[in-house]
C-alpha atoms as a PDB file:
ATOM      1  CA  HIS A   1      54.713  31.481  -3.565  1.00  0.00           C
ATOM      2  CA  LEU A   2      56.593  32.405  -6.458  1.00  0.00           C
ATOM      3  CA  ARG A   3      58.910  30.144  -8.285  1.00  0.00           C
ATOM      4  CA  GLY A   4      62.122  29.686  -6.218  1.00  0.00           C
ATOM      5  CA  HIS A   5      60.386  30.650  -2.781  1.00  0.00           C
ATOM      6  CA  GLY A   6      59.070  28.549   0.040  1.00  0.00           C
ATOM      7  CA  LEU A   7      58.220  24.903  -0.915  1.00  0.00           C
ATOM      8  CA  THR A   8      58.082  25.730  -4.622  1.00  0.00           C
ATOM      9  CA  SER A   9      60.407  24.199  -7.196  1.00  0.00           C
ATOM     10  CA  HIS A  10      63.624  26.076  -7.908  1.00  0.00           C
ATOM     11  CA  SER A  11      64.713  26.697 -11.471  1.00  0.00           C
ATOM     12  CA  PRO A  12      67.794  24.971 -12.270  1.00  0.00           C
ATOM     13  CA  ARG A  13      68.686  27.399 -14.908  1.00  0.00           C
ATOM     14  CA  ARG A  14      67.908  30.340 -12.755  1.00  0.00           C
ATOM     15  CA  LEU A  15      64.968  31.598 -14.683  1.00  0.00           C
ATOM     16  CA  TYR A  16      63.541  34.221 -12.248  1.00  0.00           C
ATOM     17  CA  GLY A  17      62.675  37.052 -14.631  1.00  0.00           C
ATOM     18  CA  GLU A  18      59.407  39.245 -14.831  1.00  0.00           C
ATOM     19  CA  GLU A  19      58.448  37.341 -17.904  1.00  0.00           C
ATOM     20  CA  GLU A  20      58.820  33.856 -16.473  1.00  0.00           C
ATOM     21  CA  MET A  21      57.077  34.832 -13.262  1.00  0.00           C
ATOM     22  CA  VAL A  22      53.999  36.555 -15.194  1.00  0.00           C
ATOM     23  CA  ALA A  23      53.926  33.338 -17.529  1.00  0.00           C
ATOM     24  CA  ASP A  24      53.847  31.063 -14.254  1.00  0.00           C
ATOM     25  CA  LEU A  25      50.844  33.261 -12.744  1.00  0.00           C
ATOM     26  CA  HIS A  26      49.049  32.951 -16.257  1.00  0.00           C
ATOM     27  CA  ALA A  27      49.498  29.283 -16.306  1.00  0.00           C
ATOM     28  CA  LEU A  28      47.868  28.991 -12.811  1.00  0.00           C
ATOM     29  CA  VAL A  29      45.001  31.288 -13.915  1.00  0.00           C
ATOM     30  CA  VAL A  30      44.213  29.002 -17.002  1.00  0.00           C
ATOM     31  CA  GLU A  31      44.664  26.018 -14.903  1.00  0.00           C
ATOM     32  CA  LEU A  32      42.408  27.031 -12.168  1.00  0.00           C
ATOM     33  CA  SER A  33      39.762  28.450 -14.795  1.00  0.00           C
ATOM     34  CA  LEU A  34      39.633  31.567 -12.780  1.00  0.00           C
ATOM     35  CA  ASN A  35      38.347  33.467 -16.066  1.00  0.00           C
ATOM     36  CA  GLY A  36      35.791  32.592 -18.652  1.00  0.00           C
ATOM     37  CA  THR A  37      34.869  34.096 -22.000  1.00  0.00           C
ATOM     38  CA  ASP A  38      31.356  35.070 -23.379  1.00  0.00           C
ATOM     39  CA  TRP A  39      29.913  34.680 -26.666  1.00  0.00           C
ATOM     40  CA  SER A  40      31.854  37.453 -28.260  1.00  0.00           C
ATOM     41  CA  GLY A  41      35.452  36.012 -26.616  1.00  0.00           C
ATOM     42  CA  ALA A  42      35.639  38.849 -23.844  1.00  0.00           C
ATOM     43  CA  THR A  43      36.907  37.885 -20.693  1.00  0.00           C
ATOM     44  CA  THR A  44      34.510  37.052 -17.678  1.00  0.00           C
ATOM     45  CA  ARG A  45      34.846  36.455 -14.028  1.00  0.00           C
ATOM     46  CA  PRO A  46      37.506  39.012 -13.403  1.00  0.00           C
ATOM     47  CA  TRP A  47      39.141  38.636  -9.882  1.00  0.00           C
ATOM     48  CA  VAL A  48      41.177  40.388  -7.080  1.00  0.00           C
ATOM     49  CA  LEU A  49      44.977  39.992  -7.320  1.00  0.00           C
ATOM     50  CA  CYS A  50      46.803  40.471  -4.239  1.00  0.00           C
ATOM     51  CA  GLY A  51      50.762  40.796  -4.019  1.00  0.00           C
ATOM     52  CA  ARG A  52      53.280  41.834  -1.710  1.00  0.00           C
ATOM     53  CA  GLY A  53      56.820  43.214  -2.537  1.00  0.00           C
ATOM     54  CA  ILE A  54      57.982  41.676  -5.540  1.00  0.00           C
ATOM     55  CA  GLY A  55      54.756  39.509  -5.798  1.00  0.00           C
ATOM     56  CA  ALA A  56      52.935  42.982  -6.211  1.00  0.00           C
ATOM     57  CA  ALA A  57      55.330  43.959  -8.955  1.00  0.00           C
ATOM     58  CA  ILE A  58      54.656  40.704 -10.795  1.00  0.00           C
ATOM     59  CA  GLY A  59      50.676  41.243 -10.237  1.00  0.00           C
ATOM     60  CA  VAL A  60      50.878  44.552 -11.858  1.00  0.00           C
ATOM     61  CA  ALA A  61      52.858  43.349 -14.711  1.00  0.00           C
ATOM     62  CA  TYR A  62      50.279  40.794 -15.167  1.00  0.00           C
ATOM     63  CA  ALA A  63      47.327  42.851 -14.888  1.00  0.00           C
ATOM     64  CA  SER A  64      48.996  45.392 -17.468  1.00  0.00           C
ATOM     65  CA  ARG A  65      49.322  42.230 -19.918  1.00  0.00           C
ATOM     66  CA  TYR A  66      46.202  40.556 -19.365  1.00  0.00           C
ATOM     67  CA  ARG A  67      43.557  43.139 -19.905  1.00  0.00           C
ATOM     68  CA  GLY A  68      40.259  42.196 -18.112  1.00  0.00           C
ATOM     69  CA  ARG A  69      41.226  39.141 -16.313  1.00  0.00           C
ATOM     70  CA  VAL A  70      41.873  41.067 -13.250  1.00  0.00           C
ATOM     71  CA  ALA A  71      39.200  43.202 -11.506  1.00  0.00           C
ATOM     72  CA  ALA A  72      41.237  44.869  -8.751  1.00  0.00           C
ATOM     73  CA  LEU A  73      44.922  44.856  -7.446  1.00  0.00           C
ATOM     74  CA  ALA A  74      45.665  44.862  -3.842  1.00  0.00           C
ATOM     75  CA  LEU A  75      49.359  45.688  -3.547  1.00  0.00           C
ATOM     76  CA  VAL A  76      51.053  45.387  -0.407  1.00  0.00           C
ATOM     77  CA  GLU A  77      54.512  46.999   0.412  1.00  0.00           C
ATOM     78  CA  TYR A  78      54.776  48.184  -3.317  1.00  0.00           C
ATOM     79  CA  ASP A  79      55.967  51.135  -4.905  1.00  0.00           C
ATOM     80  CA  PRO A  80      57.463  51.229  -8.380  1.00  0.00           C
ATOM     81  CA  SER A  81      59.992  53.706  -7.645  1.00  0.00           C
ATOM     82  CA  TRP A  82      61.657  51.380  -4.907  1.00  0.00           C
ATOM     83  CA  GLY A  83      64.783  49.647  -6.280  1.00  0.00           C
ATOM     84  CA  LYS A  84      64.916  45.997  -6.965  1.00  0.00           C
ATOM     85  CA  ASP A  85      67.055  45.643  -3.565  1.00  0.00           C
ATOM     86  CA  ARG A  86      64.041  46.878  -1.466  1.00  0.00           C
ATOM     87  CA  LEU A  87      61.397  44.756  -3.210  1.00  0.00           C
ATOM     88  CA  CYS A  88      63.549  41.537  -3.220  1.00  0.00           C
ATOM     89  CA  PHE A  89      65.187  39.778  -0.390  1.00  0.00           C
ATOM     90  CA  TYR A  90      68.131  38.607  -2.223  1.00  0.00           C
ATOM     91  CA  PRO A  91      70.948  40.381  -0.175  1.00  0.00           C
ATOM     92  CA  TYR A  92      70.217  38.073   2.360  1.00  0.00           C
ATOM     93  CA  GLN A  93      68.984  34.841   0.742  1.00  0.00           C
ATOM     94  CA  THR A  94      72.548  32.951   0.906  1.00  0.00           C
ATOM     95  CA  ALA A  95      72.648  33.719   4.745  1.00  0.00           C
ATOM     96  CA  LYS A  96      72.952  30.666   7.145  1.00  0.00           C
ATOM     97  CA  PHE A  97      72.388  31.360  10.875  1.00  0.00           C
ATOM     98  CA  LEU A  98      73.162  29.480  13.971  1.00  0.00           C
ATOM     99  CA  ASP A  99      69.587  29.166  14.972  1.00  0.00           C
ATOM    100  CA  ASP A 100      66.265  30.662  14.730  1.00  0.00           C
ATOM    101  CA  GLU A 101      66.984  33.492  17.083  1.00  0.00           C
ATOM    102  CA  GLY A 102      69.667  34.591  14.794  1.00  0.00           C
ATOM    103  CA  MET A 103      67.550  34.652  11.805  1.00  0.00           C
ATOM    104  CA  ALA A 104      64.822  36.324  13.728  1.00  0.00           C
ATOM    105  CA  ALA A 105      67.247  39.185  15.145  1.00  0.00           C
ATOM    106  CA  MET A 106      68.406  39.711  11.626  1.00  0.00           C
ATOM    107  CA  LEU A 107      64.649  39.907  10.250  1.00  0.00           C
ATOM    108  CA  GLN A 108      64.013  42.338  13.225  1.00  0.00           C
ATOM    109  CA  ASP A 109      66.750  44.864  12.386  1.00  0.00           C
ATOM    110  CA  THR A 110      66.242  44.644   8.677  1.00  0.00           C
ATOM    111  CA  LEU A 111      62.480  45.084   8.535  1.00  0.00           C
ATOM    112  CA  GLY A 112      62.009  47.054  11.611  1.00  0.00           C
ATOM    113  CA  MET A 113      59.647  44.647  13.683  1.00  0.00           C
ATOM    114  CA  ALA A 114      60.882  45.822  16.996  1.00  0.00           C
ATOM    115  CA  GLY A 115      57.947  45.535  19.518  1.00  0.00           C
ATOM    116  CA  ASP A 116      56.077  43.242  17.251  1.00  0.00           C
ATOM    117  CA  PRO A 117      56.743  39.669  18.195  1.00  0.00           C
ATOM    118  CA  SER A 118      53.882  38.137  16.637  1.00  0.00           C
ATOM    119  CA  ARG A 119      54.704  39.680  13.236  1.00  0.00           C
ATOM    120  CA  LEU A 120      58.171  38.689  13.810  1.00  0.00           C
ATOM    121  CA  ALA A 121      57.123  35.053  14.351  1.00  0.00           C
ATOM    122  CA  ARG A 122      55.031  34.883  11.173  1.00  0.00           C
ATOM    123  CA  THR A 123      57.772  36.492   9.148  1.00  0.00           C
ATOM    124  CA  LEU A 124      60.305  34.022  10.394  1.00  0.00           C
ATOM    125  CA  LEU A 125      58.166  30.810   9.847  1.00  0.00           C
ATOM    126  CA  HIS A 126      57.121  32.327   6.365  1.00  0.00           C
ATOM    127  CA  ARG A 127      60.773  33.005   5.183  1.00  0.00           C
ATOM    128  CA  GLY A 128      63.002  30.778   7.039  1.00  0.00           C
ATOM    129  CA  SER A 129      63.384  26.847   8.072  1.00  0.00           C
ATOM    130  CA  PRO A 130      65.816  24.651   9.544  1.00  0.00           C
ATOM    131  CA  VAL A 131      68.861  23.470   7.142  1.00  0.00           C
ATOM    132  CA  ASP A 132      67.730  20.325   5.700  1.00  0.00           C
ATOM    133  CA  GLY A 133      65.040  19.965   8.258  1.00  0.00           C
ATOM    134  CA  ASP A 134      67.518  19.773  11.099  1.00  0.00           C
ATOM    135  CA  GLU A 135      67.625  22.719  13.504  1.00  0.00           C
ATOM    136  CA  THR A 136      70.884  21.724  14.830  1.00  0.00           C
ATOM    137  CA  ARG A 137      72.457  22.458  11.402  1.00  0.00           C
ATOM    138  CA  GLY A 138      71.174  26.100  11.471  1.00  0.00           C
ATOM    139  CA  TRP A 139      68.450  28.081   9.618  1.00  0.00           C
ATOM    140  CA  ARG A 140      68.209  29.674   6.196  1.00  0.00           C
ATOM    141  CA  PHE A 141      65.716  31.509   4.028  1.00  0.00           C
ATOM    142  CA  THR A 142      63.456  29.373   2.054  1.00  0.00           C
ATOM    143  CA  MET A 143      64.001  30.629  -1.280  1.00  0.00           C
ATOM    144  CA  ASP A 144      66.471  29.452  -3.912  1.00  0.00           C
ATOM    145  CA  CYS A 145      69.964  31.282  -3.019  1.00  0.00           C
ATOM    146  CA  GLY A 146      70.384  31.988  -6.829  1.00  0.00           C
ATOM    147  CA  PHE A 147      66.894  33.882  -7.059  1.00  0.00           C
ATOM    148  CA  PHE A 148      67.538  37.189  -8.759  1.00  0.00           C
ATOM    149  CA  TYR A 149      64.376  39.122 -10.226  1.00  0.00           C
ATOM    150  CA  SER A 150      65.579  40.304 -13.568  1.00  0.00           C
ATOM    151  CA  GLY A 151      63.668  42.553 -15.767  1.00  0.00           C
ATOM    152  CA  PHE A 152      62.284  44.898 -13.032  1.00  0.00           C
ATOM    153  CA  GLU A 153      62.851  48.594 -14.064  1.00  0.00           C
ATOM    154  CA  GLU A 154      61.179  51.654 -12.355  1.00  0.00           C
ATOM    155  CA  LYS A 155      60.160  53.217 -15.778  1.00  0.00           C
ATOM    156  CA  ALA A 156      58.652  50.308 -17.008  1.00  0.00           C
ATOM    157  CA  ALA A 157      56.902  49.282 -13.632  1.00  0.00           C
ATOM    158  CA  TRP A 158      55.382  53.051 -13.517  1.00  0.00           C
ATOM    159  CA  LYS A 159      54.120  52.272 -17.176  1.00  0.00           C
ATOM    160  CA  ASP A 160      52.587  48.813 -16.232  1.00  0.00           C
ATOM    161  CA  LEU A 161      50.961  50.254 -12.956  1.00  0.00           C
ATOM    162  CA  VAL A 162      49.367  53.211 -15.014  1.00  0.00           C
ATOM    163  CA  ARG A 163      48.232  50.794 -17.807  1.00  0.00           C
ATOM    164  CA  ALA A 164      46.622  48.347 -15.376  1.00  0.00           C
ATOM    165  CA  ALA A 165      44.982  51.385 -13.329  1.00  0.00           C
ATOM    166  CA  ALA A 166      43.286  52.426 -16.481  1.00  0.00           C
ATOM    167  CA  PHE A 167      41.026  49.213 -16.376  1.00  0.00           C
ATOM    168  CA  THR A 168      41.303  47.894 -12.743  1.00  0.00           C
ATOM    169  CA  HIS A 169      40.952  48.974  -9.290  1.00  0.00           C
ATOM    170  CA  VAL A 170      44.216  49.628  -7.377  1.00  0.00           C
ATOM    171  CA  MET A 171      44.693  49.682  -3.765  1.00  0.00           C
ATOM    172  CA  LEU A 172      48.190  50.356  -2.304  1.00  0.00           C
ATOM    173  CA  LEU A 173      48.783  49.064   1.357  1.00  0.00           C
ATOM    174  CA  ARG A 174      51.516  49.360   3.729  1.00  0.00           C
ATOM    175  CA  GLU A 175      52.116  47.540   6.874  1.00  0.00           C
ATOM    176  CA  ALA A 176      51.860  49.750   9.980  1.00  0.00           C
ATOM    177  CA  MET A 177      55.365  50.100  11.699  1.00  0.00           C
ATOM    178  CA  PRO A 178      55.459  50.388  15.254  1.00  0.00           C
END
């Protein structure tokens, strides 16, 4: 998960920009020693980076800045020409629902998941949780209500994608809609 999403820590200063997210990803790559270097200092053991939505945007930005570390990008539900509103979920992140059914209904309508109950259930469990662990208090999204992905611009995103595609394999994927 990205900073401010799911069970990750939230940034008290609301540092959710592209540079911070790319730096978080790079720190993880270094900590896990995902890449090595040969005698000349060139990066070895490139790996596949997969991201969805805003995670895909961060993956593209990372691959374009850290040449040779990523062998391929698998980008799900991503198009650099989409606005930040479509890539991020922030229009709904402060919402509080009476119960999981209310949240599921909003997700179904917003994300077009009618007729796909298993995908809806996965999305609900991935993005939502009971308020303070108590279902009687309602449900809300598991992201910092102050999350706002700053720094994303269409022109820069296209440049990053073109730069990354010059030295990595790129696969664009979309979930099939019913």
